[in-house]
Amino acid sequence: MTVEIDNIFDAIATSPEDAADLKLRSSMMDLVKTKLAELHLKGTKARDKLQLDTEHWSYFKQGGISFFTPGKLAHMLELLGHTVTVCAE
């Protein structure tokens, strides 16, 4: 039997809510990485701009979304000049 999934997070999450949380954090981390590239920030300059210690910078570079809450990622986006707004439907 073959099961098709639209997103890896749907496959690994324990609930639809967990999958949504993983998708949100992944999207936010991608946006942080995009903004860093746009600002030509790398290495310690990027780490310092995001106010991350060496350990969390390592997790960030590896794409460790489990180490960052949506709130922390929102703060990182704000440090990069984005306004973060949360809305519920």
Protein backbone atom coordinates (compact mmCIF):
# COMPACT_ATOMS: atom_id res chain seq x y z
CA MET A 1 0.00 0.00 0.00
CA THR A 2 1.31 3.42 -0.96
CA VAL A 3 0.39 6.54 0.97
CA GLU A 4 0.93 9.95 -0.59
CA ILE A 5 1.60 12.97 1.56
CA ASP A 6 1.83 16.62 0.63
CA ASN A 7 4.37 17.59 3.25
CA ILE A 8 6.95 15.72 5.31
CA PHE A 9 5.64 17.38 8.45
CA ASP A 10 2.25 15.74 7.93
CA ALA A 11 4.04 12.39 7.96
CA ILE A 12 6.20 12.88 11.04
CA ALA A 13 3.87 14.89 13.27
CA THR A 14 1.69 13.22 15.86
CA SER A 15 -1.31 15.46 15.13
CA PRO A 16 -2.50 18.03 12.61
CA GLU A 17 -1.69 20.74 15.16
CA ASP A 18 1.89 19.51 15.50
CA ALA A 19 2.24 19.41 11.71
CA ALA A 20 0.97 23.00 11.47
CA ASP A 21 3.46 24.10 14.14
CA LEU A 22 6.35 22.45 12.28
CA LYS A 23 5.27 24.03 8.99
CA LEU A 24 5.06 27.46 10.64
CA ARG A 25 8.50 27.20 12.24
CA SER A 26 10.03 25.89 9.02
CA SER A 27 8.56 28.77 7.00
CA MET A 28 9.72 31.30 9.55
CA MET A 29 13.25 29.85 9.62
CA ASP A 30 13.37 29.94 5.81
CA LEU A 31 12.35 33.60 5.91
CA VAL A 32 15.08 34.40 8.46
CA LYS A 33 17.67 32.68 6.23
CA THR A 34 16.40 34.57 3.17
CA LYS A 35 16.58 37.89 4.98
CA LEU A 36 20.13 37.17 6.21
CA ALA A 37 21.17 36.47 2.61
CA GLU A 38 19.49 39.68 1.39
CA LEU A 39 21.37 41.65 4.05
CA HIS A 40 24.63 39.83 3.18
CA LEU A 41 25.01 38.74 6.80
CA LYS A 42 27.09 35.63 7.45
CA GLY A 43 28.94 33.97 10.29
CA THR A 44 29.39 35.87 13.51
CA LYS A 45 27.77 39.02 12.10
CA ALA A 46 24.58 37.06 11.37
CA ARG A 47 24.74 35.28 14.73
CA ASP A 48 25.20 38.55 16.58
CA LYS A 49 22.37 40.24 14.63
CA LEU A 50 20.04 37.39 15.66
CA GLN A 51 21.33 37.51 19.25
CA LEU A 52 22.14 33.79 19.27
CA ASP A 53 24.80 32.05 21.29
CA THR A 54 27.20 29.70 19.52
CA GLU A 55 25.17 26.58 20.34
CA HIS A 56 21.89 27.99 19.00
CA TRP A 57 23.66 29.44 15.95
CA SER A 58 24.86 25.91 15.18
CA TYR A 59 21.30 24.57 15.51
CA PHE A 60 20.04 27.38 13.28
CA LYS A 61 22.58 26.67 10.54
CA GLN A 62 21.62 22.98 10.63
CA GLY A 63 17.93 23.83 10.26
CA GLY A 64 17.06 22.64 13.76
CA ILE A 65 13.53 24.00 13.92
CA SER A 66 12.82 22.05 17.10
CA PHE A 67 15.19 24.37 18.98
CA PHE A 68 13.25 27.54 18.10
CA THR A 69 9.73 28.49 19.13
CA PRO A 70 7.56 30.59 16.83
CA GLY A 71 8.05 33.43 19.32
CA LYS A 72 11.84 33.21 19.10
CA LEU A 73 11.71 33.08 15.30
CA ALA A 74 9.36 36.09 15.28
CA HIS A 75 11.87 37.97 17.43
CA MET A 76 14.65 37.06 15.00
CA LEU A 77 12.57 38.37 12.10
CA GLU A 78 11.95 41.61 13.98
CA LEU A 79 15.69 41.97 14.58
CA LEU A 80 16.08 41.75 10.79
CA GLY A 81 13.55 44.53 10.21
CA HIS A 82 10.33 42.59 9.67
CA THR A 83 7.08 43.34 11.41
CA VAL A 84 5.50 40.11 12.58
CA THR A 85 1.73 39.97 12.94
CA VAL A 86 -0.23 36.97 14.16
CA CYS A 87 -3.79 36.46 13.03
CA ALA A 88 -6.23 33.61 13.54
CA GLU A 89 -8.96 32.50 11.19
